[in-house]
Amino acid sequence: MSTKRHSFPERLRQLRQEQDLSQYALADSLNFSRGLLSNYEQGTREPDYDTLIVLASYFDVSTDYLLGITEERTLNKKAKSRVEHITSELVQLQPTTLLDLEKYVEFLRFRDKK
């Protein structure tokens, strides 16, 4: 049984359209440029981790859903609590450590695609 895996650009566009928002309206709400949002929806640019979290929070979905990893829109309570704990820990890290963490997460995403 094959299931279509949605990509981040498709999910972002879908969520925006479900709320009947133009790119301009969403960009204004998030303090983004419309061009940046358009690049995300076209797949010519990917969000950094902070932006991904902002988008997931705005649409009240999990980052996994936004990235097309799962069809479940929200996390269960235990997982949500864990994510909130991890997020609170992340904001306390030094900027260079955050850069290392971003590189490691990118490595894991690459590894998981194989």
Protein backbone atom coordinates (compact mmCIF):
# COMPACT_ATOMS: atom_id res chain seq x y z
CA MET A 1 0.00 0.00 0.00
CA SER A 2 1.54 3.26 -1.09
CA THR A 3 0.88 6.59 0.56
CA LYS A 4 1.81 9.92 -0.92
CA ARG A 5 4.26 11.80 1.23
CA HIS A 6 3.56 15.52 1.20
CA SER A 7 6.43 17.96 1.04
CA PHE A 8 6.91 21.01 3.21
CA PRO A 9 5.95 23.43 0.38
CA GLU A 10 2.71 21.53 -0.26
CA ARG A 11 1.81 21.39 3.42
CA LEU A 12 2.52 25.07 3.99
CA ARG A 13 0.38 26.08 1.00
CA GLN A 14 -2.40 23.70 2.09
CA LEU A 15 -2.47 25.06 5.65
CA ARG A 16 -2.44 28.66 4.43
CA GLN A 17 -5.27 28.02 1.99
CA GLU A 18 -7.34 26.13 4.59
CA GLN A 19 -7.37 29.31 6.66
CA ASP A 20 -8.22 31.34 3.56
CA LEU A 21 -5.06 33.43 3.90
CA SER A 22 -3.18 35.10 1.09
CA GLN A 23 0.59 34.92 1.12
CA TYR A 24 0.56 38.62 1.98
CA ALA A 25 -1.76 38.14 4.96
CA LEU A 26 0.22 35.21 6.38
CA ALA A 27 3.55 36.95 5.82
CA ASP A 28 2.22 40.06 7.57
CA SER A 29 0.95 38.00 10.53
CA LEU A 30 4.32 36.32 10.95
CA ASN A 31 6.42 39.39 10.17
CA PHE A 32 7.93 37.66 7.11
CA SER A 33 8.27 39.05 3.63
CA ARG A 34 5.76 37.74 1.10
CA GLY A 35 8.70 36.78 -1.11
CA LEU A 36 10.19 34.57 1.60
CA LEU A 37 6.86 32.82 2.10
CA SER A 38 6.54 32.38 -1.65
CA ASN A 39 10.01 30.81 -1.77
CA TYR A 40 8.98 28.35 0.96
CA GLU A 41 5.84 27.40 -0.96
CA GLN A 42 7.75 27.01 -4.23
CA GLY A 43 10.41 24.88 -2.54
CA THR A 44 13.24 27.20 -3.57
CA ARG A 45 14.09 27.92 0.05
CA GLU A 46 13.77 25.96 3.29
CA PRO A 47 13.01 27.46 6.69
CA ASP A 48 15.50 27.35 9.53
CA TYR A 49 14.46 25.48 12.66
CA ASP A 50 13.15 28.53 14.49
CA THR A 51 10.98 29.47 11.52
CA LEU A 52 9.70 25.91 11.23
CA ILE A 53 8.61 26.06 14.87
CA VAL A 54 6.93 29.45 14.33
CA LEU A 55 4.99 28.08 11.35
CA ALA A 56 3.97 24.90 13.18
CA SER A 57 2.83 26.94 16.19
CA TYR A 58 0.91 29.38 14.01
CA PHE A 59 -1.03 26.56 12.32
CA ASP A 60 -1.20 24.45 15.50
CA VAL A 61 0.38 21.43 13.84
CA SER A 62 3.47 19.40 14.61
CA THR A 63 6.70 20.11 12.77
CA ASP A 64 6.56 16.49 11.55
CA TYR A 65 3.20 17.20 9.93
CA LEU A 66 4.49 20.42 8.40
CA LEU A 67 7.50 18.56 6.97
CA GLY A 68 5.29 15.81 5.54
CA ILE A 69 6.70 13.12 7.81
CA THR A 70 3.34 12.21 9.34
CA GLU A 71 -0.33 12.59 8.56
CA GLU A 72 -1.10 13.35 12.22
CA ARG A 73 -1.52 17.11 12.56
CA THR A 74 -0.84 17.41 16.26
CA LEU A 75 1.31 15.67 18.80
CA ASN A 76 -0.18 13.67 21.60
CA LYS A 77 0.07 15.30 25.05
CA LYS A 78 3.17 13.35 26.13
CA ALA A 79 5.04 14.14 22.92
CA LYS A 80 3.93 17.78 23.06
CA SER A 81 5.21 18.11 26.61
CA ARG A 82 8.53 16.58 25.54
CA VAL A 83 8.86 18.99 22.61
CA GLU A 84 8.09 21.95 24.87
CA HIS A 85 10.76 20.78 27.31
CA ILE A 86 13.34 20.39 24.54
CA THR A 87 12.45 23.79 23.10
CA SER A 88 12.92 25.44 26.49
CA GLU A 89 16.35 23.81 26.71
CA LEU A 90 17.32 24.94 23.20
CA VAL A 91 16.85 28.63 23.94
CA GLN A 92 19.50 28.35 26.64
CA LEU A 93 22.21 27.06 24.30
CA GLN A 94 25.04 29.21 23.00
CA PRO A 95 24.71 30.36 19.36
CA THR A 96 27.65 28.23 18.21
CA THR A 97 26.11 25.19 19.89
CA LEU A 98 22.82 25.88 18.09
CA LEU A 99 24.68 25.96 14.77
CA ASP A 100 26.25 22.59 15.59
CA LEU A 101 22.84 21.24 16.51
CA GLU A 102 21.34 22.47 13.22
CA LYS A 103 24.13 20.71 11.30
CA TYR A 104 23.52 17.50 13.23
CA VAL A 105 19.76 17.61 12.60
CA GLU A 106 20.44 18.20 8.90
CA PHE A 107 22.75 15.16 8.92
CA LEU A 108 20.02 13.05 10.54
CA ARG A 109 17.45 14.19 7.96
CA PHE A 110 19.89 13.31 5.15
CA ARG A 111 20.63 9.92 6.73
CA ASP A 112 16.94 9.12 7.15
CA LYS A 113 16.24 9.85 3.47
CA LYS A 114 18.52 7.00 2.39
